């Protein structure tokens, strides 16, 4: 059983515009969900935390100490 409908070009363009907007919103939501922190202590959390730590190291967002005394001095400054 074949059924067809006729839609104006303007209506079709409006449908595609809305579909494109919904697609962008879904992508944005998925990205936010992927960025959220997994349940603390889970295997997924440990993988996430290690990845974040590696990113911080690559961006040089870390402080390196050669001794405990040096670390304490830095903390007290």
PDB file of N, CA and C in Angstrom:
ATOM      1  N   UNK A   1       0.840  -1.174   0.000  1.00  0.00           N
ATOM      2  CA  UNK A   1       0.000   0.000   0.000  1.00  0.00           C
ATOM      3  C   UNK A   1       0.887   1.240   0.000  1.00  0.00           C
ATOM      4  N   UNK A   2       0.841   2.007  -1.045  1.00  0.00           N
ATOM      5  CA  UNK A   2       1.635   3.221  -1.165  1.00  0.00           C
ATOM      6  C   UNK A   2       0.796   4.433  -0.824  1.00  0.00           C
ATOM      7  N   UNK A   3       1.376   5.255   0.020  1.00  0.00           N
ATOM      8  CA  UNK A   3       0.726   6.517   0.353  1.00  0.00           C
ATOM      9  C   UNK A   3       1.732   7.627   0.104  1.00  0.00           C
ATOM     10  N   UNK A   4       1.294   8.695  -0.441  1.00  0.00           N
ATOM     11  CA  UNK A   4       2.181   9.830  -0.649  1.00  0.00           C
ATOM     12  C   UNK A   4       1.437  11.110  -0.300  1.00  0.00           C
ATOM     13  N   UNK A   5       2.237  12.095   0.083  1.00  0.00           N
ATOM     14  CA  UNK A   5       1.668  13.402   0.388  1.00  0.00           C
ATOM     15  C   UNK A   5       2.455  14.442  -0.392  1.00  0.00           C
ATOM     16  N   UNK A   6       1.848  15.543  -0.618  1.00  0.00           N
ATOM     17  CA  UNK A   6       2.500  16.639  -1.313  1.00  0.00           C
ATOM     18  C   UNK A   6       2.803  17.730  -0.295  1.00  0.00           C
ATOM     19  N   UNK A   7       4.049  18.162  -0.309  1.00  0.00           N
ATOM     20  CA  UNK A   7       4.496  19.192   0.636  1.00  0.00           C
ATOM     21  C   UNK A   7       5.142  20.302  -0.168  1.00  0.00           C
ATOM     22  N   UNK A   8       4.844  21.514   0.200  1.00  0.00           N
ATOM     23  CA  UNK A   8       5.429  22.650  -0.513  1.00  0.00           C
ATOM     24  C   UNK A   8       6.926  22.739  -0.218  1.00  0.00           C
ATOM     25  N   UNK A   9       7.638  23.392  -1.112  1.00  0.00           N
ATOM     26  CA  UNK A   9       9.081  23.577  -0.940  1.00  0.00           C
ATOM     27  C   UNK A   9       9.372  24.332   0.354  1.00  0.00           C
ATOM     28  N   UNK A  10       8.554  25.329   0.664  1.00  0.00           N
ATOM     29  CA  UNK A  10       8.738  26.134   1.876  1.00  0.00           C
ATOM     30  C   UNK A  10       8.590  25.258   3.116  1.00  0.00           C
ATOM     31  N   UNK A  11       7.585  24.399   3.142  1.00  0.00           N
ATOM     32  CA  UNK A  11       7.373  23.502   4.281  1.00  0.00           C
ATOM     33  C   UNK A  11       8.519  22.518   4.402  1.00  0.00           C
ATOM     34  N   UNK A  12       8.972  21.988   3.295  1.00  0.00           N
ATOM     35  CA  UNK A  12      10.091  21.052   3.297  1.00  0.00           C
ATOM     36  C   UNK A  12      11.359  21.710   3.836  1.00  0.00           C
ATOM     37  N   UNK A  13      11.622  22.935   3.427  1.00  0.00           N
ATOM     38  CA  UNK A  13      12.786  23.665   3.933  1.00  0.00           C
ATOM     39  C   UNK A  13      12.664  23.920   5.432  1.00  0.00           C
ATOM     40  N   UNK A  14      11.458  24.233   5.898  1.00  0.00           N
ATOM     41  CA  UNK A  14      11.240  24.446   7.329  1.00  0.00           C
ATOM     42  C   UNK A  14      11.500  23.157   8.108  1.00  0.00           C
ATOM     43  N   UNK A  15      11.070  22.034   7.564  1.00  0.00           N
ATOM     44  CA  UNK A  15      11.304  20.739   8.215  1.00  0.00           C
ATOM     45  C   UNK A  15      12.804  20.465   8.304  1.00  0.00           C
ATOM     46  N   UNK A  16      13.522  20.684   7.199  1.00  0.00           N
ATOM     47  CA  UNK A  16      14.967  20.452   7.206  1.00  0.00           C
ATOM     48  C   UNK A  16      15.693  21.404   8.161  1.00  0.00           C
ATOM     49  N   UNK A  17      15.255  22.656   8.237  1.00  0.00           N
ATOM     50  CA  UNK A  17      15.858  23.603   9.177  1.00  0.00           C
ATOM     51  C   UNK A  17      15.683  23.135  10.619  1.00  0.00           C
ATOM     52  N   UNK A  18      14.472  22.682  10.941  1.00  0.00           N
ATOM     53  CA  UNK A  18      14.225  22.191  12.297  1.00  0.00           C
ATOM     54  C   UNK A  18      15.030  20.934  12.587  1.00  0.00           C
ATOM     55  N   UNK A  19      15.119  20.047  11.616  1.00  0.00           N
ATOM     56  CA  UNK A  19      15.893  18.823  11.778  1.00  0.00           C
ATOM     57  C   UNK A  19      17.363  19.143  12.027  1.00  0.00           C
ATOM     58  N   UNK A  20      17.881  20.115  11.299  1.00  0.00           N
ATOM     59  CA  UNK A  20      19.274  20.530  11.494  1.00  0.00           C
ATOM     60  C   UNK A  20      19.480  21.106  12.899  1.00  0.00           C
ATOM     61  N   UNK A  21      18.536  21.912  13.364  1.00  0.00           N
ATOM     62  CA  UNK A  21      18.628  22.493  14.704  1.00  0.00           C
ATOM     63  C   UNK A  21      18.581  21.398  15.770  1.00  0.00           C
ATOM     64  N   UNK A  22      17.678  20.449  15.618  1.00  0.00           N
ATOM     65  CA  UNK A  22      17.578  19.347  16.580  1.00  0.00           C
ATOM     66  C   UNK A  22      18.864  18.523  16.583  1.00  0.00           C
ATOM     67  N   UNK A  23      19.430  18.294  15.412  1.00  0.00           N
ATOM     68  CA  UNK A  23      20.677  17.539  15.305  1.00  0.00           C
ATOM     69  C   UNK A  23      21.804  18.243  16.055  1.00  0.00           C
ATOM     70  N   UNK A  24      21.919  19.563  15.889  1.00  0.00           N
ATOM     71  CA  UNK A  24      22.951  20.327  16.612  1.00  0.00           C
ATOM     72  C   UNK A  24      22.732  20.242  18.120  1.00  0.00           C
ATOM     73  N   UNK A  25      21.486  20.350  18.564  1.00  0.00           N
ATOM     74  CA  UNK A  25      21.182  20.288  19.994  1.00  0.00           C
ATOM     75  C   UNK A  25      21.519  18.916  20.568  1.00  0.00           C
ATOM     76  N   UNK A  26      21.195  17.867  19.831  1.00  0.00           N
ATOM     77  CA  UNK A  26      21.506  16.504  20.295  1.00  0.00           C
ATOM     78  C   UNK A  26      23.017  16.323  20.400  1.00  0.00           C
ATOM     79  N   UNK A  27      23.764  16.820  19.414  1.00  0.00           N
ATOM     80  CA  UNK A  27      25.224  16.729  19.469  1.00  0.00           C
ATOM     81  C   UNK A  27      25.768  17.464  20.688  1.00  0.00           C
ATOM     82  N   UNK A  28      25.206  18.634  20.974  1.00  0.00           N
ATOM     83  CA  UNK A  28      25.641  19.411  22.129  1.00  0.00           C
ATOM     84  C   UNK A  28      25.358  18.663  23.429  1.00  0.00           C
ATOM     85  N   UNK A  29      24.193  18.078  23.521  1.00  0.00           N
ATOM     86  CA  UNK A  29      23.828  17.322  24.728  1.00  0.00           C
ATOM     87  C   UNK A  29      24.731  16.111  24.881  1.00  0.00           C
ATOM     88  N   UNK A  30      24.978  15.387  23.797  1.00  0.00           N
ATOM     89  CA  UNK A  30      25.853  14.213  23.858  1.00  0.00           C
ATOM     90  C   UNK A  30      27.251  14.608  24.321  1.00  0.00           C
ATOM     91  N   UNK A  31      27.750  15.736  23.820  1.00  0.00           N
ATOM     92  CA  UNK A  31      29.084  16.187  24.217  1.00  0.00           C
ATOM     93  C   UNK A  31      29.122  16.488  25.714  1.00  0.00           C
ATOM     94  N   UNK A  32      28.079  17.158  26.213  1.00  0.00           N
ATOM     95  CA  UNK A  32      28.022  17.466  27.643  1.00  0.00           C
ATOM     96  C   UNK A  32      27.946  16.199  28.479  1.00  0.00           C
ATOM     97  N   UNK A  33      27.187  15.226  28.025  1.00  0.00           N
ATOM     98  CA  UNK A  33      27.075  13.963  28.753  1.00  0.00           C
ATOM     99  C   UNK A  33      28.394  13.214  28.773  1.00  0.00           C
ATOM    100  N   UNK A  34      29.135  13.274  27.682  1.00  0.00           N
ATOM    101  CA  UNK A  34      30.427  12.603  27.620  1.00  0.00           C
ATOM    102  C   UNK A  34      31.454  13.282  28.506  1.00  0.00           C
ATOM    103  N   UNK A  35      31.288  14.584  28.734  1.00  0.00           N
ATOM    104  CA  UNK A  35      32.240  15.333  29.549  1.00  0.00           C
ATOM    105  C   UNK A  35      31.978  15.195  31.042  1.00  0.00           C
ATOM    106  N   UNK A  36      30.797  14.711  31.408  1.00  0.00           N
ATOM    107  CA  UNK A  36      30.490  14.619  32.829  1.00  0.00           C
ATOM    108  C   UNK A  36      31.301  13.514  33.477  1.00  0.00           C
ATOM    109  N   UNK A  37      31.549  13.690  34.722  1.00  0.00           N
ATOM    110  CA  UNK A  37      32.376  12.761  35.475  1.00  0.00           C
ATOM    111  C   UNK A  37      31.603  11.474  35.776  1.00  0.00           C
ATOM    112  N   UNK A  38      32.203  10.321  35.474  1.00  0.00           N
ATOM    113  CA  UNK A  38      31.546   9.046  35.809  1.00  0.00           C
ATOM    114  C   UNK A  38      31.458   8.854  37.322  1.00  0.00           C
ATOM    115  N   UNK A  39      30.759   7.829  37.735  1.00  0.00           N
ATOM    116  CA  UNK A  39      30.585   7.517  39.154  1.00  0.00           C
ATOM    117  C   UNK A  39      31.942   7.338  39.822  1.00  0.00           C
ATOM    118  N   UNK A  40      32.167   8.081  40.895  1.00  0.00           N
ATOM    119  CA  UNK A  40      33.458   8.070  41.584  1.00  0.00           C
ATOM    120  C   UNK A  40      33.858   6.661  41.995  1.00  0.00           C
ATOM    121  N   UNK A  41      35.091   6.303  41.697  1.00  0.00           N
ATOM    122  CA  UNK A  41      35.643   5.019  42.102  1.00  0.00           C
ATOM    123  C   UNK A  41      35.414   3.899  41.103  1.00  0.00           C
ATOM    124  N   UNK A  42      34.526   4.114  40.128  1.00  0.00           N
ATOM    125  CA  UNK A  42      34.261   3.069  39.140  1.00  0.00           C
ATOM    126  C   UNK A  42      35.448   2.979  38.175  1.00  0.00           C
ATOM    127  N   UNK A  43      35.495   1.876  37.414  1.00  0.00           N
ATOM    128  CA  UNK A  43      36.562   1.737  36.429  1.00  0.00           C
ATOM    129  C   UNK A  43      36.508   2.867  35.410  1.00  0.00           C
ATOM    130  N   UNK A  44      35.297   3.240  35.042  1.00  0.00           N
ATOM    131  CA  UNK A  44      35.138   4.358  34.090  1.00  0.00           C
ATOM    132  C   UNK A  44      35.693   5.650  34.690  1.00  0.00           C
ATOM    133  N   UNK A  45      35.481   5.858  35.976  1.00  0.00           N
ATOM    134  CA  UNK A  45      35.987   7.064  36.629  1.00  0.00           C
ATOM    135  C   UNK A  45      37.517   7.075  36.613  1.00  0.00           C
ATOM    136  N   UNK A  46      38.123   5.919  36.903  1.00  0.00           N
ATOM    137  CA  UNK A  46      39.590   5.866  36.907  1.00  0.00           C
ATOM    138  C   UNK A  46      40.151   6.148  35.519  1.00  0.00           C
ATOM    139  N   UNK A  47      39.530   5.604  34.480  1.00  0.00           N
ATOM    140  CA  UNK A  47      39.980   5.899  33.115  1.00  0.00           C
ATOM    141  C   UNK A  47      39.822   7.394  32.819  1.00  0.00           C
ATOM    142  N   UNK A  48      38.683   7.958  33.223  1.00  0.00           N
ATOM    143  CA  UNK A  48      38.402   9.378  33.011  1.00  0.00           C
ATOM    144  C   UNK A  48      39.434  10.236  33.758  1.00  0.00           C
ATOM    145  N   UNK A  49      39.688   9.883  35.018  1.00  0.00           N
ATOM    146  CA  UNK A  49      40.625  10.659  35.836  1.00  0.00           C
ATOM    147  C   UNK A  49      42.046  10.596  35.271  1.00  0.00           C
ATOM    148  N   UNK A  50      42.459   9.419  34.813  1.00  0.00           N
ATOM    149  CA  UNK A  50      43.789   9.280  34.215  1.00  0.00           C
ATOM    150  C   UNK A  50      43.904  10.119  32.941  1.00  0.00           C
ATOM    151  N   UNK A  51      42.843  10.124  32.141  1.00  0.00           N
ATOM    152  CA  UNK A  51      42.836  10.919  30.912  1.00  0.00           C
ATOM    153  C   UNK A  51      42.953  12.397  31.248  1.00  0.00           C
ATOM    154  N   UNK A  52      42.190  12.853  32.252  1.00  0.00           N
ATOM    155  CA  UNK A  52      42.244  14.261  32.662  1.00  0.00           C
ATOM    156  C   UNK A  52      43.641  14.608  33.189  1.00  0.00           C
ATOM    157  N   UNK A  53      44.226  13.710  33.955  1.00  0.00           N
ATOM    158  CA  UNK A  53      45.567  13.955  34.487  1.00  0.00           C
ATOM    159  C   UNK A  53      46.583  14.065  33.350  1.00  0.00           C
ATOM    160  N   UNK A  54      46.488  13.152  32.380  1.00  0.00           N
ATOM    161  CA  UNK A  54      47.402  13.207  31.239  1.00  0.00           C
ATOM    162  C   UNK A  54      47.240  14.517  30.469  1.00  0.00           C
ATOM    163  N   UNK A  55      46.001  14.977  30.325  1.00  0.00           N
ATOM    164  CA  UNK A  55      45.758  16.246  29.641  1.00  0.00           C
ATOM    165  C   UNK A  55      46.392  17.396  30.413  1.00  0.00           C
ATOM    166  N   UNK A  56      46.266  17.391  31.735  1.00  0.00           N
ATOM    167  CA  UNK A  56      46.873  18.441  32.554  1.00  0.00           C
ATOM    168  C   UNK A  56      48.392  18.424  32.428  1.00  0.00           C
ATOM    169  N   UNK A  57      48.972  17.233  32.412  1.00  0.00           N
ATOM    170  CA  UNK A  57      50.426  17.114  32.263  1.00  0.00           C
ATOM    171  C   UNK A  57      50.850  17.660  30.906  1.00  0.00           C
ATOM    172  N   UNK A  58      50.123  17.281  29.848  1.00  0.00           N
ATOM    173  CA  UNK A  58      50.448  17.773  28.504  1.00  0.00           C
ATOM    174  C   UNK A  58      50.347  19.294  28.413  1.00  0.00           C
ATOM    175  N   UNK A  59      49.387  19.872  29.134  1.00  0.00           N
ATOM    176  CA  UNK A  59      49.197  21.332  29.114  1.00  0.00           C
ATOM    177  C   UNK A  59      50.084  22.033  30.146  1.00  0.00           C
ATOM    178  N   UNK A  60      50.892  21.255  30.828  1.00  0.00           N
ATOM    179  CA  UNK A  60      51.805  21.767  31.875  1.00  0.00           C
ATOM    180  C   UNK A  60      51.045  22.478  32.993  1.00  0.00           C
ATOM    181  N   UNK A  61      49.896  21.920  33.356  1.00  0.00           N
ATOM    182  CA  UNK A  61      49.094  22.458  34.458  1.00  0.00           C
ATOM    183  C   UNK A  61      49.420  21.711  35.747  1.00  0.00           C
ATOM    184  N   UNK A  62      50.684  21.420  35.950  1.00  0.00           N
ATOM    185  CA  UNK A  62      51.110  20.663  37.127  1.00  0.00           C
ATOM    186  C   UNK A  62      52.306  21.352  37.773  1.00  0.00           C
ATOM    187  N   UNK A  63      52.535  21.028  39.002  1.00  0.00           N
ATOM    188  CA  UNK A  63      53.710  21.522  39.713  1.00  0.00           C
ATOM    189  C   UNK A  63      54.513  20.305  40.147  1.00  0.00           C
ATOM    190  N   UNK A  64      55.797  20.288  39.816  1.00  0.00           N
ATOM    191  CA  UNK A  64      56.652  19.151  40.143  1.00  0.00           C
ATOM    192  C   UNK A  64      57.559  19.528  41.311  1.00  0.00           C
ATOM    193  N   UNK A  65      57.667  18.608  42.251  1.00  0.00           N
ATOM    194  CA  UNK A  65      58.517  18.817  43.422  1.00  0.00           C
ATOM    195  C   UNK A  65      59.580  17.731  43.470  1.00  0.00           C
ATOM    196  N   UNK A  66      60.750  18.115  43.927  1.00  0.00           N
ATOM    197  CA  UNK A  66      61.847  17.152  44.042  1.00  0.00           C
ATOM    198  C   UNK A  66      61.936  16.548  45.435  1.00  0.00           C
ATOM    199  N   UNK A  67      61.161  17.124  46.373  1.00  0.00           N
ATOM    200  CA  UNK A  67      61.176  16.580  47.729  1.00  0.00           C
ATOM    201  C   UNK A  67      59.889  16.985  48.446  1.00  0.00           C
ATOM    202  N   UNK A  68      59.619  16.286  49.542  1.00  0.00           N
ATOM    203  CA  UNK A  68      58.456  16.616  50.359  1.00  0.00           C
ATOM    204  C   UNK A  68      58.636  18.008  50.940  1.00  0.00           C
ATOM    205  N   UNK A  69      59.849  18.310  51.372  1.00  0.00           N
ATOM    206  CA  UNK A  69      60.138  19.624  51.954  1.00  0.00           C
ATOM    207  C   UNK A  69      59.810  20.739  50.962  1.00  0.00           C
ATOM    208  N   UNK A  70      60.179  20.535  49.706  1.00  0.00           N
ATOM    209  CA  UNK A  70      59.887  21.519  48.664  1.00  0.00           C
ATOM    210  C   UNK A  70      58.370  21.673  48.460  1.00  0.00           C
ATOM    211  N   UNK A  71      57.652  20.566  48.510  1.00  0.00           N
ATOM    212  CA  UNK A  71      56.195  20.603  48.339  1.00  0.00           C
ATOM    213  C   UNK A  71      55.540  21.347  49.514  1.00  0.00           C
ATOM    214  N   UNK A  72      55.988  21.065  50.730  1.00  0.00           N
ATOM    215  CA  UNK A  72      55.431  21.740  51.911  1.00  0.00           C
ATOM    216  C   UNK A  72      55.717  23.233  51.847  1.00  0.00           C
ATOM    217  N   UNK A  73      56.921  23.579  51.432  1.00  0.00           N
ATOM    218  CA  UNK A  73      57.282  25.001  51.318  1.00  0.00           C
ATOM    219  C   UNK A  73      56.357  25.691  50.304  1.00  0.00           C
ATOM    220  N   UNK A  74      56.096  25.030  49.172  1.00  0.00           N
ATOM    221  CA  UNK A  74      55.234  25.594  48.161  1.00  0.00           C
ATOM    222  C   UNK A  74      53.803  25.736  48.706  1.00  0.00           C
ATOM    223  N   UNK A  75      53.318  24.719  49.425  1.00  0.00           N
ATOM    224  CA  UNK A  75      51.974  24.766  49.987  1.00  0.00           C
ATOM    225  C   UNK A  75      51.821  25.894  51.005  1.00  0.00           C
ATOM    226  N   UNK A  76      52.868  26.168  51.754  1.00  0.00           N
ATOM    227  CA  UNK A  76      52.809  27.202  52.799  1.00  0.00           C
ATOM    228  C   UNK A  76      53.053  28.610  52.248  1.00  0.00           C
ATOM    229  N   UNK A  77      53.409  28.716  50.996  1.00  0.00           N
ATOM    230  CA  UNK A  77      53.706  30.044  50.441  1.00  0.00           C
ATOM    231  C   UNK A  77      52.443  30.771  50.028  1.00  0.00           C
TER     232      UNK A  77
END
